[in-house]
């Protein structure tokens, strides 16, 4: 089998296409969730905690020298990233929970009542068992 033919079979296989679509949709969904967090959820949280911006918090390990940048331990960026992750994870959880609620199948209806023929056949069967 030629390399080109083998690659064609791989690329056109359903699993590869499904995975590609999933990655593309996942990237787009990630942008939506990031926007929800940064534009809708974080402003009220920032207002509640007094406008504290965690990303600016840092410890100076080495002061700036002539023409150089200071060496900083930016623990605030880590805190901000962790808070963002928790909020994103919770937002995704709530979205998935809502989707699953909408997808739940309707309650299965009760089995239909037996027909007259079925009832009659059941009686005959029971009578034959007794003899």
Protein backbone atom coordinates (compact mmCIF):
# COMPACT_ATOMS: atom_id res chain seq x y z
CA UNK A 1 0.00 0.00 0.00
CA UNK A 2 1.45 3.35 -0.95
CA UNK A 3 2.09 5.99 1.65
CA UNK A 4 -0.27 8.43 -0.09
CA UNK A 5 -3.12 5.90 -0.20
CA UNK A 6 -2.58 4.98 3.45
CA UNK A 7 -2.59 8.66 4.46
CA UNK A 8 -5.78 9.24 2.47
CA UNK A 9 -7.53 6.38 4.31
CA UNK A 10 -6.38 7.78 7.64
CA UNK A 11 -7.37 11.39 6.89
CA UNK A 12 -10.80 10.51 5.54
CA UNK A 13 -11.57 8.00 8.30
CA UNK A 14 -14.54 9.10 10.41
CA UNK A 15 -12.62 9.19 13.68
CA UNK A 16 -10.02 11.65 12.37
CA UNK A 17 -12.70 13.96 10.99
CA UNK A 18 -14.75 13.77 14.19
CA UNK A 19 -11.67 14.59 16.23
CA UNK A 20 -10.82 17.56 14.00
CA UNK A 21 -14.35 18.94 14.30
CA UNK A 22 -14.25 18.43 18.07
CA UNK A 23 -10.96 20.32 18.38
CA UNK A 24 -12.21 23.23 16.28
CA UNK A 25 -15.50 23.48 18.19
CA UNK A 26 -13.63 23.09 21.48
CA UNK A 27 -11.35 26.02 20.62
CA UNK A 28 -14.34 28.18 19.73
CA UNK A 29 -16.17 27.12 22.89
CA UNK A 30 -13.05 27.98 24.90
CA UNK A 31 -13.20 31.53 23.58
CA UNK A 32 -16.86 31.79 24.60
CA UNK A 33 -16.14 30.55 28.12
CA UNK A 34 -13.12 32.86 28.45
CA UNK A 35 -15.29 35.79 27.40
CA UNK A 36 -17.99 34.83 29.91
CA UNK A 37 -15.39 34.69 32.67
CA UNK A 38 -13.42 37.84 31.82
CA UNK A 39 -16.31 40.03 30.62
CA UNK A 40 -19.30 38.90 32.69
CA UNK A 41 -18.21 37.02 35.81
CA UNK A 42 -14.94 38.72 36.81
CA UNK A 43 -16.14 42.38 36.86
CA UNK A 44 -18.71 41.77 39.63
CA UNK A 45 -16.19 39.65 41.55
CA UNK A 46 -13.62 42.43 41.21
CA UNK A 47 -16.20 44.91 42.47
CA UNK A 48 -17.03 42.69 45.46
CA UNK A 49 -13.40 42.30 46.51
CA UNK A 50 -12.69 46.00 46.15
CA UNK A 51 -11.05 46.03 42.72
CA UNK A 52 -8.03 43.97 43.78
CA UNK A 53 -6.06 42.85 40.74
CA UNK A 54 -4.21 39.70 41.73
CA UNK A 55 -2.05 39.71 38.59
CA UNK A 56 -0.05 42.71 39.87
CA UNK A 57 1.00 40.98 43.12
CA UNK A 58 4.66 39.99 43.12
CA UNK A 59 7.75 39.66 45.27
CA UNK A 60 10.93 41.30 44.03
CA UNK A 61 13.76 38.76 44.13
CA UNK A 62 16.35 41.10 42.64
CA UNK A 63 15.96 44.83 42.21
CA UNK A 64 16.34 46.36 38.79
CA UNK A 65 19.93 47.05 37.88
CA UNK A 66 21.13 49.67 35.41
CA UNK A 67 19.18 49.09 32.21
CA UNK A 68 17.82 45.75 33.42
CA UNK A 69 14.49 44.45 34.56
CA UNK A 70 13.84 43.39 38.15
CA UNK A 71 13.51 39.69 38.86
CA UNK A 72 9.98 39.12 40.15
CA UNK A 73 8.17 36.18 41.64
CA UNK A 74 4.71 36.92 40.21
CA UNK A 75 2.56 34.87 42.54
CA UNK A 76 -0.42 37.12 41.77
CA UNK A 77 -0.58 35.86 38.18
CA UNK A 78 -0.73 32.32 39.55
CA UNK A 79 -3.56 33.27 41.92
CA UNK A 80 -5.43 35.02 39.08
CA UNK A 81 -4.97 32.02 36.77
CA UNK A 82 -6.19 29.65 39.51
CA UNK A 83 -9.27 31.79 40.17
CA UNK A 84 -9.95 31.95 36.42
CA UNK A 85 -9.64 28.15 36.18
CA UNK A 86 -12.08 27.58 39.04
CA UNK A 87 -14.59 29.98 37.55
CA UNK A 88 -14.20 28.48 34.06
CA UNK A 89 -14.57 24.94 35.43
CA UNK A 90 -17.71 25.93 37.33
CA UNK A 91 -19.17 27.74 34.29
CA UNK A 92 -18.54 24.70 32.08
CA UNK A 93 -20.07 22.43 34.75
CA UNK A 94 -23.22 24.57 34.85
CA UNK A 95 -23.46 24.67 31.04
CA UNK A 96 -23.03 20.89 30.75
CA UNK A 97 -25.55 20.35 33.55
CA UNK A 98 -28.09 22.52 31.72
CA UNK A 99 -27.48 20.69 28.44
CA UNK A 100 -27.85 17.30 30.13
CA UNK A 101 -31.10 18.43 31.72
CA UNK A 102 -32.44 19.37 28.29
CA UNK A 103 -31.23 16.08 26.77
CA UNK A 104 -32.84 13.80 29.34
CA UNK A 105 -35.23 11.41 27.66
CA UNK A 106 -38.91 11.78 28.37
CA UNK A 107 -40.32 9.38 30.90
CA UNK A 108 -41.13 6.07 29.26
CA UNK A 109 -44.85 5.52 29.07
CA UNK A 110 -46.36 2.63 31.01
CA UNK A 111 -46.81 -0.61 29.13
CA UNK A 112 -50.13 -0.71 27.29
CA UNK A 113 -52.91 -2.74 28.82
CA UNK A 114 -53.17 -6.28 27.45
CA UNK A 115 -55.64 -6.79 24.64
CA UNK A 116 -58.70 -9.06 24.95
CA UNK A 117 -56.89 -11.75 22.97
CA UNK A 118 -53.90 -11.65 25.30
CA UNK A 119 -56.16 -11.90 28.36
CA UNK A 120 -57.99 -14.85 26.84
CA UNK A 121 -54.72 -16.60 25.95
CA UNK A 122 -53.43 -16.02 29.47
CA UNK A 123 -56.57 -17.60 30.92
CA UNK A 124 -56.23 -20.62 28.62
CA UNK A 125 -52.58 -21.01 29.56
CA UNK A 126 -53.41 -20.87 33.26
CA UNK A 127 -56.19 -23.41 32.88
CA UNK A 128 -53.87 -25.79 31.00
CA UNK A 129 -51.26 -25.48 33.76
CA UNK A 130 -53.83 -26.45 36.38
CA UNK A 131 -54.73 -29.71 34.60
